[in-house]
C-alpha cells in the first residue's frame, strides 16, 4: 500500500492557511475548534480546502492535531 498520497496531503495541510474570513492567514490546524465545528454543521467549502478543513475537524475531534502541528514545525 502506497501511503505517499496521504503523507503529501498532510504535509500540504500543515502549511495551508485560511484564505478568507475572520481567520484569514491562520494555519488551518490552528483554527479554533468551534469554528471548524461550525463549518462541519454548515458544510465545508468545495474542493481541496473543504477536504483539508474536514480533515482538521476529524483530527481535532479525535485529539490528533498535534500530528499536523509536528509536521508544520519540522
Protein backbone atom coordinates (compact mmCIF):
# COMPACT_ATOMS: atom_id res chain seq x y z
CA UNK A 1 0.00 0.00 0.00
CA UNK A 2 1.39 3.38 -1.04
CA UNK A 3 0.99 5.93 1.75
CA UNK A 4 2.70 8.74 -0.18
CA UNK A 5 -0.56 10.49 -1.24
CA UNK A 6 -1.76 10.65 2.38
CA UNK A 7 1.67 11.84 3.53
CA UNK A 8 1.71 14.56 0.85
CA UNK A 9 -1.83 15.61 1.80
CA UNK A 10 -0.86 16.02 5.47
CA UNK A 11 2.30 17.94 4.59
CA UNK A 12 0.29 20.31 2.39
CA UNK A 13 -2.38 20.62 5.09
CA UNK A 14 0.22 21.53 7.70
CA UNK A 15 1.29 24.55 5.62
CA UNK A 16 -2.13 25.71 4.40
CA UNK A 17 -3.58 28.95 5.71
CA UNK A 18 -7.21 30.00 5.77
CA UNK A 19 -7.72 32.08 2.60
CA UNK A 20 -10.73 34.15 3.76
CA UNK A 21 -12.92 35.22 6.65
CA UNK A 22 -12.29 36.07 10.26
CA UNK A 23 -9.28 33.73 10.50
CA UNK A 24 -7.70 34.59 7.14
CA UNK A 25 -3.96 33.93 7.27
CA UNK A 26 -4.12 31.44 10.16
CA UNK A 27 -2.98 27.89 9.59
CA UNK A 28 -5.95 25.57 9.19
CA UNK A 29 -4.72 23.35 12.01
CA UNK A 30 -4.65 26.40 14.33
CA UNK A 31 -8.26 27.41 13.67
CA UNK A 32 -10.39 27.32 16.82
CA UNK A 33 -12.30 24.09 17.26
CA UNK A 34 -15.66 25.89 17.49
CA UNK A 35 -15.02 27.44 14.06
CA UNK A 36 -14.27 24.06 12.48
CA UNK A 37 -17.35 22.54 14.17
CA UNK A 38 -19.44 25.42 12.81
CA UNK A 39 -18.24 24.54 9.29
CA UNK A 40 -18.93 20.85 9.93
CA UNK A 41 -22.55 21.77 10.71
CA UNK A 42 -22.87 24.36 7.92
CA UNK A 43 -20.99 22.42 5.27
CA UNK A 44 -17.34 22.59 4.33
CA UNK A 45 -16.27 24.53 1.21
CA UNK A 46 -15.97 22.60 -2.03
CA UNK A 47 -12.67 21.26 -3.30
CA UNK A 48 -9.31 20.84 -1.63
CA UNK A 49 -9.93 23.46 1.07
CA UNK A 50 -13.07 21.62 2.16
CA UNK A 51 -11.22 18.31 2.26
CA UNK A 52 -8.48 19.89 4.35
CA UNK A 53 -10.95 21.51 6.75
CA UNK A 54 -12.82 18.22 7.12
CA UNK A 55 -9.53 16.52 7.94
CA UNK A 56 -8.78 19.22 10.54
CA UNK A 57 -12.23 18.57 12.02
CA UNK A 58 -11.51 14.84 12.28
CA UNK A 59 -8.07 15.48 13.77
CA UNK A 60 -9.38 17.96 16.35
CA UNK A 61 -12.35 15.83 17.41
CA UNK A 62 -10.01 12.88 17.93
CA UNK A 63 -7.29 14.89 19.69
CA UNK A 64 -4.73 14.30 16.94
CA UNK A 65 -4.00 17.83 15.73
CA UNK A 66 -0.52 17.57 17.26
CA UNK A 67 0.40 15.26 14.37
CA UNK A 68 -0.06 18.04 11.82
CA UNK A 69 1.48 20.66 14.12
CA UNK A 70 4.59 18.46 14.37
CA UNK A 71 4.80 18.33 10.57
CA UNK A 72 4.34 22.11 10.34
CA UNK A 73 7.18 22.73 12.81
CA UNK A 74 9.55 20.25 11.14
